[in-house]
Amino acid sequence: MSDIAEIFSEPTSRKTPAFSRLVPLVVLGALLSLTPVTDVLPTAWNTGLVVAGVSLLSAGLLVVFRGFTADRTTRSSAEVMAVFTEQDLCPTVIANANGDILSANTRARAQISAFPGARLQHCLKSRFANPAAILLRLQSNAEIHERAREDVVTVGSTIPISVFSVGQDVFCWRFLLDEDGQWDDAPFPVLTEGRNGAILRVNGMAEAILGHRPDVMGNLFPRDIPQPGEISLAETLDGQVPVTVSELSRSGTVRDLAFVADEICSPIRGRCPIR
């Protein structure tokens, strides 16, 4: 039995109701349909009982048919995607809307221990502080726009995550591990601020200007943390330098901030790396 088949044998991954749940419905429908034969109840009730019994049996059959069709479609989609994801050069996972992994390529198994049957958020705990919130945010966007992407910044690294809907509440997740940050090679200073003012990342230009890698925004701006567009004094190894802060992007509690120091940006000199 394949990994995908094993997953769909689990009750939480199937749309088709379990046989034990259908038995009461079938028995009740059969009893109602056969009651007129026993002549136990008044003859005037026969038509109503037969209609009720047939309706219950038809409803049960319809539920089974729709569940079986949905499971078959989902299984086929997951199997096709599994073939393609195995050729991917980054960890790729196929999971349902509940986060249950249906299939994972070799790199996903090796790098994030993603195996069929496991929960995706549990596999990512070693990479992110709160993987459930990240997955929920991206999956919600994918449900609306069919795909979503986000560069998740952690301490010392940036992990781009992309997800797209395969259909039938199945999603394909790609994790570009150990990728360089999108602002690492930017020709202007950029730092990434996380929750509670923690500085998650500092690009080379920012480190060259500051002379160090600050841990929190309070160490960089001892007086007050400036809002985008404001001028504030930044603490460097050479003393305090007036800088103008600009917000480049924001994702949840993480935002990328560019700052232009007076030493490298002056209207008189006519050179400014960012406007």
C-alpha atoms as a PDB file:
ATOM      1  CA  MET A   1       0.000   0.000   0.000  1.00  0.00           C
ATOM      2  CA  SER A   2       1.398   3.437  -0.944  1.00  0.00           C
ATOM      3  CA  ASP A   3       1.880   6.258   1.547  1.00  0.00           C
ATOM      4  CA  ILE A   4      -0.995   8.199   0.005  1.00  0.00           C
ATOM      5  CA  ALA A   5      -3.299   5.189   0.218  1.00  0.00           C
ATOM      6  CA  GLU A   6      -2.377   4.770   3.877  1.00  0.00           C
ATOM      7  CA  ILE A   7      -3.283   8.386   4.578  1.00  0.00           C
ATOM      8  CA  PHE A   8      -6.677   8.045   2.938  1.00  0.00           C
ATOM      9  CA  SER A   9      -7.375   4.991   5.056  1.00  0.00           C
ATOM     10  CA  GLU A  10      -7.411   7.286   8.085  1.00  0.00           C
ATOM     11  CA  PRO A  11     -10.919   8.524   9.023  1.00  0.00           C
ATOM     12  CA  THR A  12      -9.770  12.153   9.364  1.00  0.00           C
ATOM     13  CA  SER A  13      -8.544  12.208   5.757  1.00  0.00           C
ATOM     14  CA  ARG A  14     -11.606  10.671   4.107  1.00  0.00           C
ATOM     15  CA  LYS A  15     -14.745  12.315   2.849  1.00  0.00           C
ATOM     16  CA  THR A  16     -16.559   8.980   2.609  1.00  0.00           C
ATOM     17  CA  PRO A  17     -18.330   8.316   5.930  1.00  0.00           C
ATOM     18  CA  ALA A  18     -17.365   5.231   7.896  1.00  0.00           C
ATOM     19  CA  PHE A  19     -19.518   2.124   7.467  1.00  0.00           C
ATOM     20  CA  SER A  20     -20.391   2.112  11.178  1.00  0.00           C
ATOM     21  CA  ARG A  21     -21.951   5.565  10.799  1.00  0.00           C
ATOM     22  CA  LEU A  22     -24.037   4.512   7.798  1.00  0.00           C
ATOM     23  CA  VAL A  23     -25.496   1.360   9.364  1.00  0.00           C
ATOM     24  CA  PRO A  24     -28.100   3.143  11.551  1.00  0.00           C
ATOM     25  CA  LEU A  25     -29.267   5.230   8.582  1.00  0.00           C
ATOM     26  CA  VAL A  26     -29.587   2.190   6.311  1.00  0.00           C
ATOM     27  CA  VAL A  27     -31.351   0.115   8.974  1.00  0.00           C
ATOM     28  CA  LEU A  28     -33.825   2.900   9.734  1.00  0.00           C
ATOM     29  CA  GLY A  29     -34.534   3.466   6.049  1.00  0.00           C
ATOM     30  CA  ALA A  30     -35.065  -0.258   5.466  1.00  0.00           C
ATOM     31  CA  LEU A  31     -37.403  -0.581   8.467  1.00  0.00           C
ATOM     32  CA  LEU A  32     -39.511   2.357   7.343  1.00  0.00           C
ATOM     33  CA  SER A  33     -39.708   0.995   3.799  1.00  0.00           C
ATOM     34  CA  LEU A  34     -40.715  -2.508   4.958  1.00  0.00           C
ATOM     35  CA  THR A  35     -43.125  -1.466   7.700  1.00  0.00           C
ATOM     36  CA  PRO A  36     -46.180  -1.417   5.356  1.00  0.00           C
ATOM     37  CA  VAL A  37     -45.572  -5.115   4.597  1.00  0.00           C
ATOM     38  CA  THR A  38     -46.064  -6.038   8.256  1.00  0.00           C
ATOM     39  CA  ASP A  39     -49.513  -4.375   8.523  1.00  0.00           C
ATOM     40  CA  VAL A  40     -48.588  -3.192  12.011  1.00  0.00           C
ATOM     41  CA  LEU A  41     -49.500   0.442  11.394  1.00  0.00           C
ATOM     42  CA  PRO A  42     -52.601   1.923   9.739  1.00  0.00           C
ATOM     43  CA  THR A  43     -52.756   1.613   5.958  1.00  0.00           C
ATOM     44  CA  ALA A  44     -52.989   5.396   5.577  1.00  0.00           C
ATOM     45  CA  TRP A  45     -49.430   5.652   6.841  1.00  0.00           C
ATOM     46  CA  ASN A  46     -47.932   3.273   4.285  1.00  0.00           C
ATOM     47  CA  THR A  47     -47.183   5.826   1.583  1.00  0.00           C
ATOM     48  CA  GLY A  48     -45.532   8.229   4.005  1.00  0.00           C
ATOM     49  CA  LEU A  49     -43.419   5.490   5.565  1.00  0.00           C
ATOM     50  CA  VAL A  50     -42.238   4.225   2.199  1.00  0.00           C
ATOM     51  CA  VAL A  51     -41.344   7.746   1.060  1.00  0.00           C
ATOM     52  CA  ALA A  52     -39.452   8.410   4.294  1.00  0.00           C
ATOM     53  CA  GLY A  53     -37.583   5.106   4.087  1.00  0.00           C
ATOM     54  CA  VAL A  54     -36.618   5.539   0.441  1.00  0.00           C
ATOM     55  CA  SER A  55     -35.520   9.126   1.154  1.00  0.00           C
ATOM     56  CA  LEU A  56     -33.198   7.982   3.938  1.00  0.00           C
ATOM     57  CA  LEU A  57     -31.712   5.235   1.782  1.00  0.00           C
ATOM     58  CA  SER A  58     -31.256   7.653  -1.128  1.00  0.00           C
ATOM     59  CA  ALA A  59     -29.615  10.239   1.127  1.00  0.00           C
ATOM     60  CA  GLY A  60     -27.211   7.625   2.463  1.00  0.00           C
ATOM     61  CA  LEU A  61     -26.346   6.464  -1.038  1.00  0.00           C
ATOM     62  CA  LEU A  62     -25.781  10.052  -2.184  1.00  0.00           C
ATOM     63  CA  VAL A  63     -23.471  10.782   0.760  1.00  0.00           C
ATOM     64  CA  VAL A  64     -21.427   7.661   0.033  1.00  0.00           C
ATOM     65  CA  PHE A  65     -21.214   8.454  -3.684  1.00  0.00           C
ATOM     66  CA  ARG A  66     -20.137  12.064  -3.155  1.00  0.00           C
ATOM     67  CA  GLY A  67     -17.605  11.079  -0.504  1.00  0.00           C
ATOM     68  CA  PHE A  68     -16.164   8.329  -2.673  1.00  0.00           C
ATOM     69  CA  THR A  69     -15.903  10.692  -5.651  1.00  0.00           C
ATOM     70  CA  ALA A  70     -14.208  13.393  -3.566  1.00  0.00           C
ATOM     71  CA  ASP A  71     -11.740  10.897  -2.081  1.00  0.00           C
ATOM     72  CA  ARG A  72     -10.916   9.483  -5.488  1.00  0.00           C
ATOM     73  CA  THR A  73     -10.338  12.931  -6.984  1.00  0.00           C
ATOM     74  CA  THR A  74      -8.210  14.053  -4.059  1.00  0.00           C
ATOM     75  CA  ARG A  75      -6.172  10.848  -4.117  1.00  0.00           C
ATOM     76  CA  SER A  76      -5.552  11.170  -7.851  1.00  0.00           C
ATOM     77  CA  SER A  77      -4.480  14.806  -7.504  1.00  0.00           C
ATOM     78  CA  ALA A  78      -2.139  13.972  -4.633  1.00  0.00           C
ATOM     79  CA  GLU A  79      -0.573  11.072  -6.534  1.00  0.00           C
ATOM     80  CA  VAL A  80       0.031  13.208  -9.620  1.00  0.00           C
ATOM     81  CA  MET A  81       1.495  16.034  -7.539  1.00  0.00           C
ATOM     82  CA  ALA A  82       3.711  13.580  -5.655  1.00  0.00           C
ATOM     83  CA  VAL A  83       5.352  12.563  -8.930  1.00  0.00           C
ATOM     84  CA  PHE A  84       6.154  16.177  -9.803  1.00  0.00           C
ATOM     85  CA  THR A  85       7.240  17.220  -6.312  1.00  0.00           C
ATOM     86  CA  GLU A  86       9.786  14.412  -6.172  1.00  0.00           C
ATOM     87  CA  GLN A  87      11.663  16.225  -8.953  1.00  0.00           C
ATOM     88  CA  ASP A  88      11.659  19.513  -7.043  1.00  0.00           C
ATOM     89  CA  LEU A  89      14.978  20.753  -5.693  1.00  0.00           C
ATOM     90  CA  CYS A  90      13.490  22.090  -2.470  1.00  0.00           C
ATOM     91  CA  PRO A  91      11.384  20.454   0.269  1.00  0.00           C
ATOM     92  CA  THR A  92       7.839  20.116  -1.071  1.00  0.00           C
ATOM     93  CA  VAL A  93       4.825  18.741   0.750  1.00  0.00           C
ATOM     94  CA  ILE A  94       1.264  17.885  -0.275  1.00  0.00           C
ATOM     95  CA  ALA A  95      -1.168  18.343   2.621  1.00  0.00           C
ATOM     96  CA  ASN A  96      -4.889  18.630   3.157  1.00  0.00           C
ATOM     97  CA  ALA A  97      -6.686  21.597   4.694  1.00  0.00           C
ATOM     98  CA  ASN A  98      -6.173  20.180   8.197  1.00  0.00           C
ATOM     99  CA  GLY A  99      -2.409  20.098   7.716  1.00  0.00           C
ATOM    100  CA  ASP A 100      -2.189  16.306   7.421  1.00  0.00           C
ATOM    101  CA  ILE A 101       0.673  15.438   5.076  1.00  0.00           C
ATOM    102  CA  LEU A 102      -0.437  13.293   2.141  1.00  0.00           C
ATOM    103  CA  SER A 103       2.964  13.059   0.468  1.00  0.00           C
ATOM    104  CA  ALA A 104       6.411  14.598   0.773  1.00  0.00           C
ATOM    105  CA  ASN A 105       9.408  14.499  -1.508  1.00  0.00           C
ATOM    106  CA  THR A 106      12.794  13.155  -0.470  1.00  0.00           C
ATOM    107  CA  ARG A 107      14.167  16.566   0.517  1.00  0.00           C
ATOM    108  CA  ALA A 108      11.179  17.311   2.732  1.00  0.00           C
ATOM    109  CA  ARG A 109      11.621  13.995   4.515  1.00  0.00           C
ATOM    110  CA  ALA A 110      15.320  14.620   5.066  1.00  0.00           C
ATOM    111  CA  GLN A 111      15.293  18.319   5.997  1.00  0.00           C
ATOM    112  CA  ILE A 112      12.053  18.841   7.920  1.00  0.00           C
ATOM    113  CA  SER A 113      11.118  15.220   8.744  1.00  0.00           C
ATOM    114  CA  ALA A 114       7.876  15.497   6.799  1.00  0.00           C
ATOM    115  CA  PHE A 115       6.338  12.050   6.418  1.00  0.00           C
ATOM    116  CA  PRO A 116       2.836  11.077   5.275  1.00  0.00           C
ATOM    117  CA  GLY A 117       0.440  11.053   8.199  1.00  0.00           C
ATOM    118  CA  ALA A 118       2.298  13.703  10.209  1.00  0.00           C
ATOM    119  CA  ARG A 119       1.048  17.233  10.820  1.00  0.00           C
ATOM    120  CA  LEU A 120       2.879  19.853   8.784  1.00  0.00           C
ATOM    121  CA  GLN A 121       3.027  22.352  11.632  1.00  0.00           C
ATOM    122  CA  HIS A 122       4.760  19.790  13.852  1.00  0.00           C
ATOM    123  CA  CYS A 123       7.438  19.243  11.208  1.00  0.00           C
ATOM    124  CA  LEU A 124       8.216  22.966  11.129  1.00  0.00           C
ATOM    125  CA  LYS A 125       8.597  23.569  14.862  1.00  0.00           C
ATOM    126  CA  SER A 126      12.367  23.341  14.582  1.00  0.00           C
ATOM    127  CA  ARG A 127      12.351  26.100  11.954  1.00  0.00           C
ATOM    128  CA  PHE A 128       9.724  28.563  13.186  1.00  0.00           C
ATOM    129  CA  ALA A 129       8.559  29.742  16.577  1.00  0.00           C
ATOM    130  CA  ASN A 130       4.881  29.687  15.587  1.00  0.00           C
ATOM    131  CA  PRO A 131       4.443  27.577  12.432  1.00  0.00           C
ATOM    132  CA  ALA A 132       0.679  27.170  12.900  1.00  0.00           C
ATOM    133  CA  ALA A 133       0.066  30.911  12.487  1.00  0.00           C
ATOM    134  CA  ILE A 134       2.291  31.087   9.400  1.00  0.00           C
ATOM    135  CA  LEU A 135       0.594  28.128   7.735  1.00  0.00           C
ATOM    136  CA  LEU A 136      -2.884  29.406   8.557  1.00  0.00           C
ATOM    137  CA  ARG A 137      -2.121  32.849   7.132  1.00  0.00           C
ATOM    138  CA  LEU A 138      -0.701  31.471   3.889  1.00  0.00           C
ATOM    139  CA  GLN A 139      -3.393  28.818   3.466  1.00  0.00           C
ATOM    140  CA  SER A 140      -6.136  31.400   3.966  1.00  0.00           C
ATOM    141  CA  ASN A 141      -4.631  33.526   1.196  1.00  0.00           C
ATOM    142  CA  ALA A 142      -4.260  30.478  -1.043  1.00  0.00           C
ATOM    143  CA  GLU A 143      -7.916  29.585  -0.549  1.00  0.00           C
ATOM    144  CA  ILE A 144      -8.866  33.046  -1.811  1.00  0.00           C
ATOM    145  CA  HIS A 145      -6.223  33.667  -4.490  1.00  0.00           C
ATOM    146  CA  GLU A 146      -5.298  30.019  -5.255  1.00  0.00           C
ATOM    147  CA  ARG A 147      -1.684  30.715  -4.305  1.00  0.00           C
ATOM    148  CA  ALA A 148       0.338  32.629  -1.743  1.00  0.00           C
ATOM    149  CA  ARG A 149       3.973  33.358  -0.958  1.00  0.00           C
ATOM    150  CA  GLU A 150       5.799  34.863   1.990  1.00  0.00           C
ATOM    151  CA  ASP A 151       9.414  35.339   3.038  1.00  0.00           C
ATOM    152  CA  VAL A 152       9.393  34.218   6.651  1.00  0.00           C
ATOM    153  CA  VAL A 153      12.239  35.809   8.564  1.00  0.00           C
ATOM    154  CA  THR A 154      13.750  33.983  11.507  1.00  0.00           C
ATOM    155  CA  VAL A 155      16.847  34.758  13.511  1.00  0.00           C
ATOM    156  CA  GLY A 156      19.725  34.622  11.047  1.00  0.00           C
ATOM    157  CA  SER A 157      17.809  33.302   8.046  1.00  0.00           C
ATOM    158  CA  THR A 158      14.970  33.956   5.647  1.00  0.00           C
ATOM    159  CA  ILE A 159      12.799  31.070   4.464  1.00  0.00           C
ATOM    160  CA  PRO A 160      10.546  31.751   1.477  1.00  0.00           C
ATOM    161  CA  ILE A 161       7.358  29.674   1.670  1.00  0.00           C
ATOM    162  CA  SER A 162       4.927  29.279  -1.197  1.00  0.00           C
ATOM    163  CA  VAL A 163       1.655  27.379  -1.355  1.00  0.00           C
ATOM    164  CA  PHE A 164      -0.949  26.819  -4.023  1.00  0.00           C
ATOM    165  CA  SER A 165      -4.262  25.049  -4.040  1.00  0.00           C
ATOM    166  CA  VAL A 166      -4.396  21.722  -5.853  1.00  0.00           C
ATOM    167  CA  GLY A 167      -8.162  21.446  -5.404  1.00  0.00           C
ATOM    168  CA  GLN A 168     -10.487  19.500  -3.112  1.00  0.00           C
ATOM    169  CA  ASP A 169      -8.921  21.119  -0.005  1.00  0.00           C
ATOM    170  CA  VAL A 170      -5.435  19.912  -0.929  1.00  0.00           C
ATOM    171  CA  PHE A 171      -2.421  22.247  -0.941  1.00  0.00           C
ATOM    172  CA  CYS A 172       1.131  22.039  -2.234  1.00  0.00           C
ATOM    173  CA  TRP A 173       3.755  23.637   0.037  1.00  0.00           C
ATOM    174  CA  ARG A 174       7.313  24.565  -0.998  1.00  0.00           C
ATOM    175  CA  PHE A 175      10.002  25.598   1.493  1.00  0.00           C
ATOM    176  CA  LEU A 176      13.172  27.248   0.183  1.00  0.00           C
ATOM    177  CA  LEU A 177      15.462  26.535   3.095  1.00  0.00           C
ATOM    178  CA  ASP A 178      18.766  28.321   3.660  1.00  0.00           C
ATOM    179  CA  GLU A 179      18.029  30.965   1.049  1.00  0.00           C
ATOM    180  CA  ASP A 180      19.652  34.389   1.179  1.00  0.00           C
ATOM    181  CA  GLY A 181      17.443  37.247   2.320  1.00  0.00           C
ATOM    182  CA  GLN A 182      15.921  39.355  -0.430  1.00  0.00           C
ATOM    183  CA  TRP A 183      17.641  42.489   0.919  1.00  0.00           C
ATOM    184  CA  ASP A 184      21.070  40.964   1.657  1.00  0.00           C
ATOM    185  CA  ASP A 185      22.627  42.382  -1.507  1.00  0.00           C
ATOM    186  CA  ALA A 186      20.637  45.619  -1.560  1.00  0.00           C
ATOM    187  CA  PRO A 187      22.791  48.733  -2.161  1.00  0.00           C
ATOM    188  CA  PHE A 188      21.186  50.477   0.819  1.00  0.00           C
ATOM    189  CA  PRO A 189      20.939  49.582   4.532  1.00  0.00           C
ATOM    190  CA  VAL A 190      18.020  47.340   5.485  1.00  0.00           C
ATOM    191  CA  LEU A 191      17.131  45.624   8.723  1.00  0.00           C
ATOM    192  CA  THR A 192      14.267  43.276   9.527  1.00  0.00           C
ATOM    193  CA  GLU A 193      12.266  43.885  12.689  1.00  0.00           C
ATOM    194  CA  GLY A 194      10.275  41.106  14.321  1.00  0.00           C
ATOM    195  CA  ARG A 195       8.029  40.738  17.335  1.00  0.00           C
ATOM    196  CA  ASN A 196       8.669  43.031  20.321  1.00  0.00           C
ATOM    197  CA  GLY A 197      11.245  45.055  18.408  1.00  0.00           C
ATOM    198  CA  ALA A 198      13.684  42.175  17.915  1.00  0.00           C
ATOM    199  CA  ILE A 199      16.036  42.686  14.967  1.00  0.00           C
ATOM    200  CA  LEU A 200      16.033  39.453  12.997  1.00  0.00           C
ATOM    201  CA  ARG A 201      18.301  40.383  10.122  1.00  0.00           C
ATOM    202  CA  VAL A 202      20.755  43.106   9.118  1.00  0.00           C
ATOM    203  CA  ASN A 203      22.118  43.324   5.595  1.00  0.00           C
ATOM    204  CA  GLY A 204      25.755  44.061   4.784  1.00  0.00           C
ATOM    205  CA  MET A 205      25.248  47.749   4.021  1.00  0.00           C
ATOM    206  CA  ALA A 206      23.466  48.320   7.337  1.00  0.00           C
ATOM    207  CA  GLU A 207      26.173  46.496   9.277  1.00  0.00           C
ATOM    208  CA  ALA A 208      28.867  48.570   7.563  1.00  0.00           C
ATOM    209  CA  ILE A 209      27.162  51.828   8.552  1.00  0.00           C
ATOM    210  CA  LEU A 210      26.288  50.805  12.105  1.00  0.00           C
ATOM    211  CA  GLY A 211      29.522  48.958  12.767  1.00  0.00           C
ATOM    212  CA  HIS A 212      27.651  46.181  14.571  1.00  0.00           C
ATOM    213  CA  ARG A 213      24.555  43.987  14.435  1.00  0.00           C
ATOM    214  CA  PRO A 214      22.040  45.235  17.022  1.00  0.00           C
ATOM    215  CA  ASP A 215      19.732  42.711  18.672  1.00  0.00           C
ATOM    216  CA  VAL A 216      16.739  44.946  19.369  1.00  0.00           C
ATOM    217  CA  MET A 217      15.423  48.231  18.031  1.00  0.00           C
ATOM    218  CA  GLY A 218      15.888  49.832  21.439  1.00  0.00           C
ATOM    219  CA  ASN A 219      19.668  49.419  21.146  1.00  0.00           C
ATOM    220  CA  LEU A 220      19.677  51.005  17.703  1.00  0.00           C
ATOM    221  CA  PHE A 221      17.336  53.868  18.593  1.00  0.00           C
ATOM    222  CA  PRO A 222      17.870  54.524  22.325  1.00  0.00           C
ATOM    223  CA  ARG A 223      15.554  57.545  22.484  1.00  0.00           C
ATOM    224  CA  ASP A 224      12.531  56.313  20.564  1.00  0.00           C
ATOM    225  CA  ILE A 225      11.783  53.965  17.691  1.00  0.00           C
ATOM    226  CA  PRO A 226      10.947  56.117  14.655  1.00  0.00           C
ATOM    227  CA  GLN A 227       7.922  55.650  12.454  1.00  0.00           C
ATOM    228  CA  PRO A 228       8.360  55.415   8.663  1.00  0.00           C
ATOM    229  CA  GLY A 229       9.333  58.803   7.276  1.00  0.00           C
ATOM    230  CA  GLU A 230      10.610  60.151  10.588  1.00  0.00           C
ATOM    231  CA  ILE A 231      14.177  61.227  11.333  1.00  0.00           C
ATOM    232  CA  SER A 232      15.784  59.789  14.439  1.00  0.00           C
ATOM    233  CA  LEU A 233      19.228  59.287  15.936  1.00  0.00           C
ATOM    234  CA  ALA A 234      20.683  55.812  15.381  1.00  0.00           C
ATOM    235  CA  GLU A 235      23.413  54.447  17.633  1.00  0.00           C
ATOM    236  CA  THR A 236      26.585  53.432  15.742  1.00  0.00           C
ATOM    237  CA  LEU A 237      30.136  52.650  16.807  1.00  0.00           C
ATOM    238  CA  ASP A 238      31.106  56.174  15.734  1.00  0.00           C
ATOM    239  CA  GLY A 239      28.333  57.797  17.733  1.00  0.00           C
ATOM    240  CA  GLN A 240      24.770  58.796  16.978  1.00  0.00           C
ATOM    241  CA  VAL A 241      23.821  59.430  13.362  1.00  0.00           C
ATOM    242  CA  PRO A 242      20.544  60.982  12.137  1.00  0.00           C
ATOM    243  CA  VAL A 243      18.693  58.597   9.841  1.00  0.00           C
ATOM    244  CA  THR A 244      15.400  58.534   7.981  1.00  0.00           C
ATOM    245  CA  VAL A 245      13.442  55.280   8.202  1.00  0.00           C
ATOM    246  CA  SER A 246      11.305  53.831   5.404  1.00  0.00           C
ATOM    247  CA  GLU A 247       9.170  50.674   5.577  1.00  0.00           C
ATOM    248  CA  LEU A 248       9.813  48.429   2.578  1.00  0.00           C
ATOM    249  CA  SER A 249       7.462  45.551   3.356  1.00  0.00           C
ATOM    250  CA  ARG A 250       5.415  44.038   6.157  1.00  0.00           C
ATOM    251  CA  SER A 251       4.192  40.508   6.825  1.00  0.00           C
ATOM    252  CA  GLY A 252       2.389  39.909  10.088  1.00  0.00           C
ATOM    253  CA  THR A 253       4.627  41.157  12.893  1.00  0.00           C
ATOM    254  CA  VAL A 254       7.715  41.240  10.657  1.00  0.00           C
ATOM    255  CA  ARG A 255       8.681  44.291   8.630  1.00  0.00           C
ATOM    256  CA  ASP A 256      11.682  45.295   6.519  1.00  0.00           C
ATOM    257  CA  LEU A 257      12.998  48.778   7.242  1.00  0.00           C
ATOM    258  CA  ALA A 258      15.416  50.796   5.144  1.00  0.00           C
ATOM    259  CA  PHE A 259      17.195  53.697   6.750  1.00  0.00           C
ATOM    260  CA  VAL A 260      19.214  56.448   5.142  1.00  0.00           C
ATOM    261  CA  ALA A 261      21.950  57.994   7.256  1.00  0.00           C
ATOM    262  CA  ASP A 262      22.842  61.644   6.884  1.00  0.00           C
ATOM    263  CA  GLU A 263      26.423  60.588   6.149  1.00  0.00           C
ATOM    264  CA  ILE A 264      25.441  58.739   2.973  1.00  0.00           C
ATOM    265  CA  CYS A 265      22.421  60.735   1.884  1.00  0.00           C
ATOM    266  CA  SER A 266      22.581  64.456   1.417  1.00  0.00           C
ATOM    267  CA  PRO A 267      20.732  66.748  -0.998  1.00  0.00           C
ATOM    268  CA  ILE A 268      23.967  68.691  -1.488  1.00  0.00           C
ATOM    269  CA  ARG A 269      25.952  65.598  -2.449  1.00  0.00           C
ATOM    270  CA  GLY A 270      23.126  64.568  -4.704  1.00  0.00           C
ATOM    271  CA  ARG A 271      23.339  60.867  -3.952  1.00  0.00           C
ATOM    272  CA  CYS A 272      20.784  58.916  -2.013  1.00  0.00           C
ATOM    273  CA  PRO A 273      20.421  55.125  -2.263  1.00  0.00           C
ATOM    274  CA  ILE A 274      16.700  55.144  -1.597  1.00  0.00           C
ATOM    275  CA  ARG A 275      13.860  57.596  -1.926  1.00  0.00           C
END
